[in-house]
PDB file of N, CA and C in Angstrom:
ATOM      1  N   MET A   1     -40.354  11.907  -8.360  1.00  0.00           N
ATOM      2  CA  MET A   1     -38.982  12.138  -7.767  1.00  0.00           C
ATOM      3  C   MET A   1     -37.616  13.069  -8.317  1.00  0.00           C
ATOM      4  N   ASP A   2     -36.943  14.075  -7.882  1.00  0.00           N
ATOM      5  CA  ASP A   2     -36.065  15.021  -8.215  1.00  0.00           C
ATOM      6  C   ASP A   2     -34.948  14.412  -8.008  1.00  0.00           C
ATOM      7  N   ASN A   3     -34.142  13.696  -8.809  1.00  0.00           N
ATOM      8  CA  ASN A   3     -32.468  13.049  -8.682  1.00  0.00           C
ATOM      9  C   ASN A   3     -31.921  14.044  -8.493  1.00  0.00           C
ATOM     10  N   SER A   4     -31.865  15.860  -8.649  1.00  0.00           N
ATOM     11  CA  SER A   4     -30.775  16.108  -8.289  1.00  0.00           C
ATOM     12  C   SER A   4     -31.110  16.472  -7.060  1.00  0.00           C
ATOM     13  N   LYS A   5     -32.218  16.148  -5.851  1.00  0.00           N
ATOM     14  CA  LYS A   5     -32.387  16.450  -4.852  1.00  0.00           C
ATOM     15  C   LYS A   5     -32.069  14.924  -4.055  1.00  0.00           C
ATOM     16  N   SER A   6     -32.498  13.576  -4.470  1.00  0.00           N
ATOM     17  CA  SER A   6     -32.526  12.569  -3.881  1.00  0.00           C
ATOM     18  C   SER A   6     -32.233  11.449  -4.990  1.00  0.00           C
ATOM     19  N   ASP A   7     -31.433  10.725  -4.006  1.00  0.00           N
ATOM     20  CA  ASP A   7     -31.598   9.084  -5.028  1.00  0.00           C
ATOM     21  C   ASP A   7     -32.195   7.860  -4.169  1.00  0.00           C
ATOM     22  N   ILE A   8     -32.041   6.598  -5.077  1.00  0.00           N
ATOM     23  CA  ILE A   8     -32.281   5.649  -4.080  1.00  0.00           C
ATOM     24  C   ILE A   8     -31.514   4.545  -4.119  1.00  0.00           C
ATOM     25  N   GLY A   9     -31.329   3.856  -3.274  1.00  0.00           N
ATOM     26  CA  GLY A   9     -29.749   2.956  -2.993  1.00  0.00           C
ATOM     27  C   GLY A   9     -30.570   1.266  -3.248  1.00  0.00           C
ATOM     28  N   LEU A  10     -29.849   1.276  -4.096  1.00  0.00           N
ATOM     29  CA  LEU A  10     -29.823  -0.157  -4.520  1.00  0.00           C
ATOM     30  C   LEU A  10     -29.203  -1.251  -3.105  1.00  0.00           C
ATOM     31  N   ILE A  11     -29.738  -2.004  -2.446  1.00  0.00           N
ATOM     32  CA  ILE A  11     -29.404  -2.948  -1.598  1.00  0.00           C
ATOM     33  C   ILE A  11     -29.714  -4.399  -1.718  1.00  0.00           C
ATOM     34  N   PHE A  12     -29.015  -5.386  -1.345  1.00  0.00           N
ATOM     35  CA  PHE A  12     -29.104  -6.470  -1.474  1.00  0.00           C
ATOM     36  C   PHE A  12     -28.449  -7.339  -0.320  1.00  0.00           C
ATOM     37  N   LYS A  13     -29.123  -8.047   0.001  1.00  0.00           N
ATOM     38  CA  LYS A  13     -28.402  -8.791   1.608  1.00  0.00           C
ATOM     39  C   LYS A  13     -27.870  -7.976   2.601  1.00  0.00           C
ATOM     40  N   LYS A  14     -28.336  -6.559   2.786  1.00  0.00           N
ATOM     41  CA  LYS A  14     -27.913  -5.704   3.505  1.00  0.00           C
ATOM     42  C   LYS A  14     -27.061  -4.699   3.091  1.00  0.00           C
ATOM     43  N   LYS A  15     -26.345  -4.907   2.145  1.00  0.00           N
ATOM     44  CA  LYS A  15     -25.202  -4.581   1.569  1.00  0.00           C
ATOM     45  C   LYS A  15     -25.542  -3.205   0.272  1.00  0.00           C
ATOM     46  N   ILE A  16     -25.003  -2.267   0.320  1.00  0.00           N
ATOM     47  CA  ILE A  16     -25.292  -1.597  -0.143  1.00  0.00           C
ATOM     48  C   ILE A  16     -24.480  -1.822  -1.586  1.00  0.00           C
ATOM     49  N   LEU A  17     -25.326  -1.334  -3.143  1.00  0.00           N
ATOM     50  CA  LEU A  17     -24.338  -2.047  -4.103  1.00  0.00           C
ATOM     51  C   LEU A  17     -24.168  -0.539  -4.763  1.00  0.00           C
ATOM     52  N   GLU A  18     -25.316   0.338  -4.980  1.00  0.00           N
ATOM     53  CA  GLU A  18     -25.249   1.304  -6.349  1.00  0.00           C
ATOM     54  C   GLU A  18     -26.666   2.293  -5.832  1.00  0.00           C
ATOM     55  N   THR A  19     -26.567   3.316  -6.207  1.00  0.00           N
ATOM     56  CA  THR A  19     -28.315   3.573  -6.876  1.00  0.00           C
ATOM     57  C   THR A  19     -28.682   3.867  -7.740  1.00  0.00           C
ATOM     58  N   GLY A  20     -29.838   4.143  -7.992  1.00  0.00           N
ATOM     59  CA  GLY A  20     -30.761   4.192  -9.040  1.00  0.00           C
ATOM     60  C   GLY A  20     -29.653   4.965 -10.683  1.00  0.00           C
ATOM     61  N   THR A  21     -28.800   5.959  -9.682  1.00  0.00           N
ATOM     62  CA  THR A  21     -28.390   6.421 -11.144  1.00  0.00           C
ATOM     63  C   THR A  21     -26.848   6.840 -10.789  1.00  0.00           C
ATOM     64  N   SER A  22     -26.338   6.353  -9.465  1.00  0.00           N
ATOM     65  CA  SER A  22     -24.476   6.772  -9.734  1.00  0.00           C
ATOM     66  C   SER A  22     -24.385   5.250  -8.997  1.00  0.00           C
ATOM     67  N   ASN A  23     -22.500   5.595  -9.256  1.00  0.00           N
ATOM     68  CA  ASN A  23     -21.925   4.669  -7.979  1.00  0.00           C
ATOM     69  C   ASN A  23     -21.902   5.483  -6.488  1.00  0.00           C
ATOM     70  N   LEU A  24     -21.125   4.428  -6.074  1.00  0.00           N
ATOM     71  CA  LEU A  24     -20.983   5.458  -4.554  1.00  0.00           C
ATOM     72  C   LEU A  24     -19.640   5.357  -4.139  1.00  0.00           C
ATOM     73  N   LEU A  25     -19.194   6.278  -3.520  1.00  0.00           N
ATOM     74  CA  LEU A  25     -17.897   6.036  -2.989  1.00  0.00           C
ATOM     75  C   LEU A  25     -17.793   6.221  -1.316  1.00  0.00           C
ATOM     76  N   PHE A  26     -17.044   5.236  -0.546  1.00  0.00           N
ATOM     77  CA  PHE A  26     -17.607   5.488   0.800  1.00  0.00           C
ATOM     78  C   PHE A  26     -16.559   6.483   1.538  1.00  0.00           C
ATOM     79  N   ILE A  27     -16.379   6.813   2.247  1.00  0.00           N
ATOM     80  CA  ILE A  27     -14.455   7.940   2.703  1.00  0.00           C
ATOM     81  C   ILE A  27     -14.697   7.413   4.351  1.00  0.00           C
ATOM     82  N   LYS A  28     -13.599   6.963   4.932  1.00  0.00           N
ATOM     83  CA  LYS A  28     -13.404   7.021   6.332  1.00  0.00           C
ATOM     84  C   LYS A  28     -11.731   6.883   6.310  1.00  0.00           C
ATOM     85  N   ASN A  29     -11.548   7.954   7.190  1.00  0.00           N
ATOM     86  CA  ASN A  29     -10.220   7.853   7.758  1.00  0.00           C
ATOM     87  C   ASN A  29      -9.621   8.259   6.269  1.00  0.00           C
ATOM     88  N   LYS A  30      -9.735   9.423   5.382  1.00  0.00           N
ATOM     89  CA  LYS A  30      -9.297   9.606   3.997  1.00  0.00           C
ATOM     90  C   LYS A  30      -9.061   8.205   3.147  1.00  0.00           C
ATOM     91  N   LYS A  31      -9.856   7.230   3.826  1.00  0.00           N
ATOM     92  CA  LYS A  31      -9.399   6.358   2.857  1.00  0.00           C
ATOM     93  C   LYS A  31     -10.659   5.799   1.475  1.00  0.00           C
ATOM     94  N   VAL A  32     -10.620   5.413   1.142  1.00  0.00           N
ATOM     95  CA  VAL A  32     -11.826   5.618  -0.477  1.00  0.00           C
ATOM     96  C   VAL A  32     -12.445   3.770  -0.817  1.00  0.00           C
ATOM     97  N   TYR A  33     -13.758   4.013  -0.548  1.00  0.00           N
ATOM     98  CA  TYR A  33     -14.063   2.571  -0.448  1.00  0.00           C
ATOM     99  C   TYR A  33     -15.264   2.667  -1.785  1.00  0.00           C
ATOM    100  N   SER A  34     -15.584   0.831  -2.001  1.00  0.00           N
ATOM    101  CA  SER A  34     -16.636   0.899  -2.924  1.00  0.00           C
ATOM    102  C   SER A  34     -17.203  -0.183  -3.174  1.00  0.00           C
ATOM    103  N   PRO A  35     -18.336  -0.575  -3.197  1.00  0.00           N
ATOM    104  CA  PRO A  35     -18.452  -1.869  -2.987  1.00  0.00           C
ATOM    105  C   PRO A  35     -17.862  -2.802  -3.509  1.00  0.00           C
ATOM    106  N   GLN A  36     -18.319  -4.129  -2.943  1.00  0.00           N
ATOM    107  CA  GLN A  36     -16.960  -5.430  -3.728  1.00  0.00           C
ATOM    108  C   GLN A  36     -17.350  -5.934  -5.158  1.00  0.00           C
ATOM    109  N   LYS A  37     -18.852  -6.051  -5.383  1.00  0.00           N
ATOM    110  CA  LYS A  37     -19.356  -6.487  -6.387  1.00  0.00           C
ATOM    111  C   LYS A  37     -20.837  -6.395  -6.654  1.00  0.00           C
ATOM    112  N   ASP A  38     -21.420  -7.125  -8.052  1.00  0.00           N
ATOM    113  CA  ASP A  38     -22.762  -6.450  -7.543  1.00  0.00           C
ATOM    114  C   ASP A  38     -23.239  -5.609  -8.142  1.00  0.00           C
ATOM    115  N   TYR A  39     -22.171  -4.524  -9.185  1.00  0.00           N
ATOM    116  CA  TYR A  39     -22.508  -3.558  -9.168  1.00  0.00           C
ATOM    117  C   TYR A  39     -21.961  -2.971 -10.638  1.00  0.00           C
ATOM    118  N   TYR A  40     -22.595  -2.073 -11.395  1.00  0.00           N
ATOM    119  CA  TYR A  40     -22.295  -1.605 -13.000  1.00  0.00           C
ATOM    120  C   TYR A  40     -20.835  -0.163 -12.815  1.00  0.00           C
ATOM    121  N   GLU A  41     -19.860  -0.710 -12.755  1.00  0.00           N
ATOM    122  CA  GLU A  41     -18.799   0.183 -12.681  1.00  0.00           C
ATOM    123  C   GLU A  41     -18.923   1.323 -14.035  1.00  0.00           C
ATOM    124  N   GLY A  42     -19.518   2.383 -13.954  1.00  0.00           N
ATOM    125  CA  GLY A  42     -19.780   3.173 -15.377  1.00  0.00           C
ATOM    126  C   GLY A  42     -17.818   4.096 -15.550  1.00  0.00           C
ATOM    127  N   ASN A  43     -18.451   4.862 -16.344  1.00  0.00           N
ATOM    128  CA  ASN A  43     -17.588   5.788 -17.224  1.00  0.00           C
ATOM    129  C   ASN A  43     -16.794   6.373 -16.209  1.00  0.00           C
ATOM    130  N   THR A  44     -17.403   6.940 -15.020  1.00  0.00           N
ATOM    131  CA  THR A  44     -17.402   8.011 -14.006  1.00  0.00           C
ATOM    132  C   THR A  44     -16.108   7.507 -13.149  1.00  0.00           C
ATOM    133  N   TYR A  45     -16.993   6.504 -12.799  1.00  0.00           N
ATOM    134  CA  TYR A  45     -15.772   5.835 -11.759  1.00  0.00           C
ATOM    135  C   TYR A  45     -14.621   4.976 -12.431  1.00  0.00           C
ATOM    136  N   LYS A  46     -14.814   4.668 -13.598  1.00  0.00           N
ATOM    137  CA  LYS A  46     -13.311   4.449 -13.922  1.00  0.00           C
ATOM    138  C   LYS A  46     -12.683   5.300 -14.356  1.00  0.00           C
ATOM    139  N   PHE A  47     -13.288   6.800 -14.097  1.00  0.00           N
ATOM    140  CA  PHE A  47     -12.305   8.208 -14.177  1.00  0.00           C
ATOM    141  C   PHE A  47     -11.626   8.320 -13.262  1.00  0.00           C
ATOM    142  N   PHE A  48     -12.280   8.179 -11.781  1.00  0.00           N
ATOM    143  CA  PHE A  48     -12.096   8.764 -10.836  1.00  0.00           C
ATOM    144  C   PHE A  48     -11.053   7.385 -10.567  1.00  0.00           C
ATOM    145  N   HIS A  49     -11.281   6.081 -11.001  1.00  0.00           N
ATOM    146  CA  HIS A  49     -10.342   5.178 -10.178  1.00  0.00           C
ATOM    147  C   HIS A  49      -8.955   5.222 -10.875  1.00  0.00           C
ATOM    148  N   SER A  50      -8.984   5.994 -11.913  1.00  0.00           N
ATOM    149  CA  SER A  50      -7.486   6.467 -12.775  1.00  0.00           C
ATOM    150  C   SER A  50      -7.239   7.529 -11.944  1.00  0.00           C
ATOM    151  N   LYS A  51      -7.579   8.780 -11.009  1.00  0.00           N
ATOM    152  CA  LYS A  51      -7.121   9.327 -10.444  1.00  0.00           C
ATOM    153  C   LYS A  51      -6.864   9.295  -9.060  1.00  0.00           C
ATOM    154  N   VAL A  52      -7.833   8.547  -8.611  1.00  0.00           N
ATOM    155  CA  VAL A  52      -7.348   8.040  -7.009  1.00  0.00           C
ATOM    156  C   VAL A  52      -7.176   6.569  -7.151  1.00  0.00           C
ATOM    157  N   LYS A  53      -5.829   6.128  -7.209  1.00  0.00           N
ATOM    158  CA  LYS A  53      -5.460   4.958  -7.285  1.00  0.00           C
ATOM    159  C   LYS A  53      -6.201   3.696  -6.419  1.00  0.00           C
ATOM    160  N   LYS A  54      -6.290   4.111  -4.926  1.00  0.00           N
ATOM    161  CA  LYS A  54      -6.487   3.145  -4.380  1.00  0.00           C
ATOM    162  C   LYS A  54      -7.818   3.726  -3.692  1.00  0.00           C
ATOM    163  N   ILE A  55      -8.733   2.409  -4.458  1.00  0.00           N
ATOM    164  CA  ILE A  55      -9.899   2.725  -3.946  1.00  0.00           C
ATOM    165  C   ILE A  55     -10.041   0.939  -3.144  1.00  0.00           C
ATOM    166  N   PHE A  56     -10.463   0.865  -2.516  1.00  0.00           N
ATOM    167  CA  PHE A  56     -10.692  -0.247  -1.748  1.00  0.00           C
ATOM    168  C   PHE A  56     -11.761  -0.865  -1.741  1.00  0.00           C
ATOM    169  N   LYS A  57     -12.114  -2.013  -2.538  1.00  0.00           N
ATOM    170  CA  LYS A  57     -13.284  -2.931  -2.250  1.00  0.00           C
ATOM    171  C   LYS A  57     -13.854  -3.319  -1.155  1.00  0.00           C
ATOM    172  N   LYS A  58     -14.507  -3.496  -0.359  1.00  0.00           N
ATOM    173  CA  LYS A  58     -15.359  -4.570   0.336  1.00  0.00           C
ATOM    174  C   LYS A  58     -16.915  -4.391   0.206  1.00  0.00           C
ATOM    175  N   ASP A  59     -16.899  -5.011   0.877  1.00  0.00           N
ATOM    176  CA  ASP A  59     -18.912  -5.048   1.519  1.00  0.00           C
ATOM    177  C   ASP A  59     -19.423  -4.181   2.228  1.00  0.00           C
ATOM    178  N   ILE A  60     -20.110  -3.416   1.602  1.00  0.00           N
ATOM    179  CA  ILE A  60     -20.441  -1.960   2.466  1.00  0.00           C
ATOM    180  C   ILE A  60     -21.869  -2.337   2.907  1.00  0.00           C
ATOM    181  N   PHE A  61     -22.256  -2.349   4.531  1.00  0.00           N
ATOM    182  CA  PHE A  61     -23.283  -2.890   4.951  1.00  0.00           C
ATOM    183  C   PHE A  61     -24.316  -1.466   5.607  1.00  0.00           C
ATOM    184  N   VAL A  62     -25.041  -1.814   5.071  1.00  0.00           N
ATOM    185  CA  VAL A  62     -26.424  -0.500   5.756  1.00  0.00           C
ATOM    186  C   VAL A  62     -25.903  -0.344   7.578  1.00  0.00           C
ATOM    187  N   ASN A  63     -25.912  -1.486   8.222  1.00  0.00           N
ATOM    188  CA  ASN A  63     -25.548  -0.694   9.419  1.00  0.00           C
ATOM    189  C   ASN A  63     -24.519  -0.282  10.158  1.00  0.00           C
ATOM    190  N   GLU A  64     -23.369  -0.202   8.919  1.00  0.00           N
ATOM    191  CA  GLU A  64     -22.229   0.051   9.249  1.00  0.00           C
ATOM    192  C   GLU A  64     -21.864   1.785   8.696  1.00  0.00           C
ATOM    193  N   LEU A  65     -22.807   2.252   8.230  1.00  0.00           N
ATOM    194  CA  LEU A  65     -22.694   3.266   7.567  1.00  0.00           C
ATOM    195  C   LEU A  65     -21.892   4.669   7.788  1.00  0.00           C
ATOM    196  N   HIS A  66     -22.635   4.317   9.473  1.00  0.00           N
ATOM    197  CA  HIS A  66     -22.521   5.684  10.728  1.00  0.00           C
ATOM    198  C   HIS A  66     -20.794   5.174  10.513  1.00  0.00           C
ATOM    199  N   ASN A  67     -20.028   4.425  10.319  1.00  0.00           N
ATOM    200  CA  ASN A  67     -18.582   4.758  10.414  1.00  0.00           C
ATOM    201  C   ASN A  67     -17.946   5.504   9.397  1.00  0.00           C
ATOM    202  N   TYR A  68     -18.803   5.792   8.081  1.00  0.00           N
ATOM    203  CA  TYR A  68     -18.286   6.543   7.127  1.00  0.00           C
ATOM    204  C   TYR A  68     -18.254   8.220   6.977  1.00  0.00           C
ATOM    205  N   ASP A  69     -17.318   9.001   6.954  1.00  0.00           N
ATOM    206  CA  ASP A  69     -17.208  10.197   6.935  1.00  0.00           C
ATOM    207  C   ASP A  69     -18.055  11.071   5.908  1.00  0.00           C
ATOM    208  N   GLU A  70     -17.686  10.280   4.751  1.00  0.00           N
ATOM    209  CA  GLU A  70     -18.262  10.790   3.597  1.00  0.00           C
ATOM    210  C   GLU A  70     -19.018   9.743   2.767  1.00  0.00           C
ATOM    211  N   ILE A  71     -20.176  10.375   1.832  1.00  0.00           N
ATOM    212  CA  ILE A  71     -20.353   9.357   0.775  1.00  0.00           C
ATOM    213  C   ILE A  71     -20.717  10.214  -0.567  1.00  0.00           C
ATOM    214  N   LEU A  72     -19.663   9.824  -1.447  1.00  0.00           N
ATOM    215  CA  LEU A  72     -20.238  10.222  -2.718  1.00  0.00           C
ATOM    216  C   LEU A  72     -21.171   9.460  -3.847  1.00  0.00           C
ATOM    217  N   LEU A  73     -21.756  10.400  -4.255  1.00  0.00           N
ATOM    218  CA  LEU A  73     -22.443   9.844  -5.461  1.00  0.00           C
ATOM    219  C   LEU A  73     -21.609  10.002  -6.872  1.00  0.00           C
ATOM    220  N   ILE A  74     -21.127   9.464  -7.815  1.00  0.00           N
ATOM    221  CA  ILE A  74     -20.376   9.293  -8.851  1.00  0.00           C
ATOM    222  C   ILE A  74     -21.210   9.246 -10.123  1.00  0.00           C
ATOM    223  N   GLY A  75     -21.614   9.498 -11.318  1.00  0.00           N
ATOM    224  CA  GLY A  75     -21.899   9.359 -12.149  1.00  0.00           C
ATOM    225  C   GLY A  75     -22.027  10.420 -13.449  1.00  0.00           C
ATOM    226  N   SER A  76     -22.683   9.801 -14.711  1.00  0.00           N
ATOM    227  CA  SER A  76     -22.229  10.469 -15.909  1.00  0.00           C
ATOM    228  C   SER A  76     -23.714  11.556 -16.188  1.00  0.00           C
ATOM    229  N   GLY A  77     -24.175  11.198 -15.212  1.00  0.00           N
ATOM    230  CA  GLY A  77     -25.195  12.559 -15.171  1.00  0.00           C
ATOM    231  C   GLY A  77     -24.997  13.093 -13.477  1.00  0.00           C
ATOM    232  N   LYS A  78     -24.409  12.950 -12.827  1.00  0.00           N
ATOM    233  CA  LYS A  78     -24.496  14.237 -11.741  1.00  0.00           C
ATOM    234  C   LYS A  78     -23.372  14.587 -11.783  1.00  0.00           C
ATOM    235  N   GLY A  79     -22.066  13.735 -12.065  1.00  0.00           N
ATOM    236  CA  GLY A  79     -20.867  13.803 -11.856  1.00  0.00           C
ATOM    237  C   GLY A  79     -19.908  13.461 -10.781  1.00  0.00           C
ATOM    238  N   VAL A  80     -20.154  14.556  -9.419  1.00  0.00           N
ATOM    239  CA  VAL A  80     -19.694  13.644  -8.251  1.00  0.00           C
ATOM    240  C   VAL A  80     -20.469  14.621  -7.340  1.00  0.00           C
ATOM    241  N   ALA A  81     -21.218  14.498  -6.146  1.00  0.00           N
ATOM    242  CA  ALA A  81     -22.435  14.705  -5.436  1.00  0.00           C
ATOM    243  C   ALA A  81     -21.733  14.469  -4.270  1.00  0.00           C
ATOM    244  N   SER A  82     -21.932  15.310  -3.264  1.00  0.00           N
ATOM    245  CA  SER A  82     -21.631  14.260  -1.932  1.00  0.00           C
ATOM    246  C   SER A  82     -23.550  14.255  -0.940  1.00  0.00           C
ATOM    247  N   VAL A  83     -22.995  13.368  -0.704  1.00  0.00           N
ATOM    248  CA  VAL A  83     -24.817  13.024  -0.075  1.00  0.00           C
ATOM    249  C   VAL A  83     -24.268  13.973   1.549  1.00  0.00           C
ATOM    250  N   LYS A  84     -25.443  14.635   1.825  1.00  0.00           N
ATOM    251  CA  LYS A  84     -25.406  15.225   3.050  1.00  0.00           C
ATOM    252  C   LYS A  84     -26.110  14.742   4.288  1.00  0.00           C
ATOM    253  N   THR A  85     -26.914  13.737   3.983  1.00  0.00           N
ATOM    254  CA  THR A  85     -28.062  12.689   5.187  1.00  0.00           C
ATOM    255  C   THR A  85     -28.545  11.686   4.298  1.00  0.00           C
ATOM    256  N   ILE A  86     -28.972  10.260   5.593  1.00  0.00           N
ATOM    257  CA  ILE A  86     -29.626   9.785   4.935  1.00  0.00           C
ATOM    258  C   ILE A  86     -30.368   9.053   6.077  1.00  0.00           C
ATOM    259  N   LYS A  87     -31.803  10.116   5.926  1.00  0.00           N
ATOM    260  CA  LYS A  87     -32.394  10.670   6.818  1.00  0.00           C
ATOM    261  C   LYS A  87     -33.036   9.021   7.571  1.00  0.00           C
ATOM    262  N   ASP A  88     -33.752   8.055   6.742  1.00  0.00           N
ATOM    263  CA  ASP A  88     -33.704   6.636   7.337  1.00  0.00           C
ATOM    264  C   ASP A  88     -33.104   6.213   8.323  1.00  0.00           C
ATOM    265  N   ILE A  89     -31.796   6.776   8.143  1.00  0.00           N
ATOM    266  CA  ILE A  89     -30.481   5.721   9.384  1.00  0.00           C
ATOM    267  C   ILE A  89     -30.135   6.916  10.119  1.00  0.00           C
ATOM    268  N   GLY A  90     -30.343   7.711  10.392  1.00  0.00           N
ATOM    269  CA  GLY A  90     -29.792   9.135  10.922  1.00  0.00           C
ATOM    270  C   GLY A  90     -28.758   9.606  10.029  1.00  0.00           C
ATOM    271  N   TRP A  91     -27.931   9.049   9.077  1.00  0.00           N
ATOM    272  CA  TRP A  91     -26.660   9.182   9.048  1.00  0.00           C
ATOM    273  C   TRP A  91     -26.406  10.372   8.382  1.00  0.00           C
ATOM    274  N   ARG A  92     -25.426  11.747   8.967  1.00  0.00           N
ATOM    275  CA  ARG A  92     -24.923  13.124   8.576  1.00  0.00           C
ATOM    276  C   ARG A  92     -23.677  12.734   7.945  1.00  0.00           C
ATOM    277  N   ARG A  93     -23.362  13.720   6.543  1.00  0.00           N
ATOM    278  CA  ARG A  93     -22.009  13.330   6.673  1.00  0.00           C
ATOM    279  C   ARG A  93     -20.993  14.648   7.902  1.00  0.00           C
ATOM    280  N   LYS A  94     -19.760  13.998   7.864  1.00  0.00           N
ATOM    281  CA  LYS A  94     -19.032  14.468   8.356  1.00  0.00           C
ATOM    282  C   LYS A  94     -18.070  15.895   8.375  1.00  0.00           C
ATOM    283  N   ASN A  95     -17.774  15.841   6.719  1.00  0.00           N
ATOM    284  CA  ASN A  95     -17.247  16.794   6.424  1.00  0.00           C
ATOM    285  C   ASN A  95     -17.076  16.719   4.562  1.00  0.00           C
ATOM    286  N   LEU A  96     -16.736  17.983   4.079  1.00  0.00           N
ATOM    287  CA  LEU A  96     -16.346  17.752   2.519  1.00  0.00           C
ATOM    288  C   LEU A  96     -15.198  17.722   2.198  1.00  0.00           C
ATOM    289  N   ASN A  97     -14.209  17.440   2.721  1.00  0.00           N
ATOM    290  CA  ASN A  97     -12.709  16.896   2.424  1.00  0.00           C
ATOM    291  C   ASN A  97     -12.622  16.106   1.213  1.00  0.00           C
ATOM    292  N   GLN A  98     -13.112  15.215   1.052  1.00  0.00           N
ATOM    293  CA  GLN A  98     -12.812  14.348  -0.190  1.00  0.00           C
ATOM    294  C   GLN A  98     -13.380  14.800  -1.315  1.00  0.00           C
ATOM    295  N   TYR A  99     -14.859  14.858  -1.022  1.00  0.00           N
ATOM    296  CA  TYR A  99     -15.554  15.499  -2.326  1.00  0.00           C
ATOM    297  C   TYR A  99     -15.143  17.154  -2.637  1.00  0.00           C
ATOM    298  N   LYS A 100     -14.175  17.384  -2.326  1.00  0.00           N
ATOM    299  CA  LYS A 100     -13.816  18.760  -2.364  1.00  0.00           C
ATOM    300  C   LYS A 100     -12.297  18.220  -3.489  1.00  0.00           C
ATOM    301  N   ILE A 101     -11.664  17.609  -3.453  1.00  0.00           N
ATOM    302  CA  ILE A 101     -11.094  16.943  -3.819  1.00  0.00           C
ATOM    303  C   ILE A 101     -11.091  16.086  -5.168  1.00  0.00           C
ATOM    304  N   PHE A 102     -12.282  15.195  -5.166  1.00  0.00           N
ATOM    305  CA  PHE A 102     -12.497  14.732  -6.479  1.00  0.00           C
ATOM    306  C   PHE A 102     -13.590  16.014  -7.445  1.00  0.00           C
ATOM    307  N   LEU A 103     -14.129  16.926  -6.897  1.00  0.00           N
ATOM    308  CA  LEU A 103     -14.720  17.782  -7.727  1.00  0.00           C
ATOM    309  C   LEU A 103     -13.675  18.290  -8.189  1.00  0.00           C
ATOM    310  N   LYS A 104     -12.890  18.599  -7.824  1.00  0.00           N
ATOM    311  CA  LYS A 104     -11.160  19.513  -8.985  1.00  0.00           C
ATOM    312  C   LYS A 104     -11.031  18.300  -9.571  1.00  0.00           C
ATOM    313  N   TYR A 105     -11.290  16.885  -9.611  1.00  0.00           N
ATOM    314  CA  TYR A 105     -10.448  15.978 -11.058  1.00  0.00           C
ATOM    315  C   TYR A 105     -11.464  16.349 -11.750  1.00  0.00           C
ATOM    316  N   TYR A 106     -12.824  16.512 -11.195  1.00  0.00           N
ATOM    317  CA  TYR A 106     -14.053  16.260 -12.357  1.00  0.00           C
ATOM    318  C   TYR A 106     -13.997  17.672 -12.791  1.00  0.00           C
ATOM    319  N   ARG A 107     -13.663  18.980 -12.327  1.00  0.00           N
ATOM    320  CA  ARG A 107     -13.953  19.835 -13.037  1.00  0.00           C
ATOM    321  C   ARG A 107     -12.527  20.082 -14.568  1.00  0.00           C
ATOM    322  N   SER A 108     -11.480  19.701 -13.746  1.00  0.00           N
ATOM    323  CA  SER A 108     -10.332  19.804 -14.451  1.00  0.00           C
ATOM    324  C   SER A 108     -10.312  18.926 -15.601  1.00  0.00           C
ATOM    325  N   ALA A 109     -11.209  17.771 -15.592  1.00  0.00           N
ATOM    326  CA  ALA A 109     -11.514  17.021 -17.134  1.00  0.00           C
ATOM    327  C   ALA A 109     -12.854  18.117 -17.869  1.00  0.00           C
ATOM    328  N   ILE A 110     -13.716  18.392 -17.315  1.00  0.00           N
ATOM    329  CA  ILE A 110     -14.585  19.203 -17.702  1.00  0.00           C
ATOM    330  C   ILE A 110     -14.061  20.301 -18.928  1.00  0.00           C
ATOM    331  N   ILE A 111     -12.893  20.612 -18.051  1.00  0.00           N
ATOM    332  CA  ILE A 111     -12.791  21.829 -18.757  1.00  0.00           C
ATOM    333  C   ILE A 111     -12.143  21.434 -20.364  1.00  0.00           C
ATOM    334  N   LYS A 112     -11.668  20.228 -20.325  1.00  0.00           N
ATOM    335  CA  LYS A 112     -10.880  19.899 -21.679  1.00  0.00           C
ATOM    336  C   LYS A 112     -11.725  19.295 -22.455  1.00  0.00           C
ATOM    337  N   CYS A 113     -13.215  19.297 -22.238  1.00  0.00           N
ATOM    338  CA  CYS A 113     -14.098  18.427 -23.237  1.00  0.00           C
ATOM    339  C   CYS A 113     -14.371  19.633 -23.987  1.00  0.00           C
ATOM    340  N   ASN A 114     -15.080  19.318 -25.214  1.00  0.00           N
ATOM    341  CA  ASN A 114     -16.087  20.201 -25.980  1.00  0.00           C
ATOM    342  C   ASN A 114     -17.361  19.976 -25.256  1.00  0.00           C
ATOM    343  N   GLN A 115     -17.916  20.856 -25.394  1.00  0.00           N
ATOM    344  CA  GLN A 115     -19.645  20.995 -24.544  1.00  0.00           C
ATOM    345  C   GLN A 115     -20.399  21.449 -25.856  1.00  0.00           C
ATOM    346  N   TYR A 116     -21.455  20.293 -25.590  1.00  0.00           N
ATOM    347  CA  TYR A 116     -22.830  20.539 -27.075  1.00  0.00           C
ATOM    348  C   TYR A 116     -23.915  20.518 -26.200  1.00  0.00           C
ATOM    349  N   ARG A 117     -25.069  21.807 -26.540  1.00  0.00           N
ATOM    350  CA  ARG A 117     -25.842  21.500 -25.940  1.00  0.00           C
ATOM    351  C   ARG A 117     -27.140  21.097 -27.055  1.00  0.00           C
ATOM    352  N   PHE A 118     -28.148  19.987 -25.879  1.00  0.00           N
ATOM    353  CA  PHE A 118     -28.706  19.557 -27.048  1.00  0.00           C
ATOM    354  C   PHE A 118     -30.545  19.906 -26.615  1.00  0.00           C
TER     355      PHE A 118
END
């Protein structure tokens, strides 16, 4: 599987937790939601939480995904990425508004870091 083009969602009892590589943020009416529990809050999640103070914790159910405008993947390997579609359930992102805001936060932090090639 090419992780730059797809990912695998981890689901337990019909609740979405995270993906195999990233934390998930769900956007609805400009509000940001994340799963309530049973996932690992990575460094990138903590970084964005320091920038976006109001991330609401709630159970995110698969059958409610159609209610969300955007889904963002965030993680050390991905930075921030916008989910375009989830073909299995017919979900499609409605806009990129919050993605653009998150990307600005991420890029401004990256510029300040020393970069090394491995």
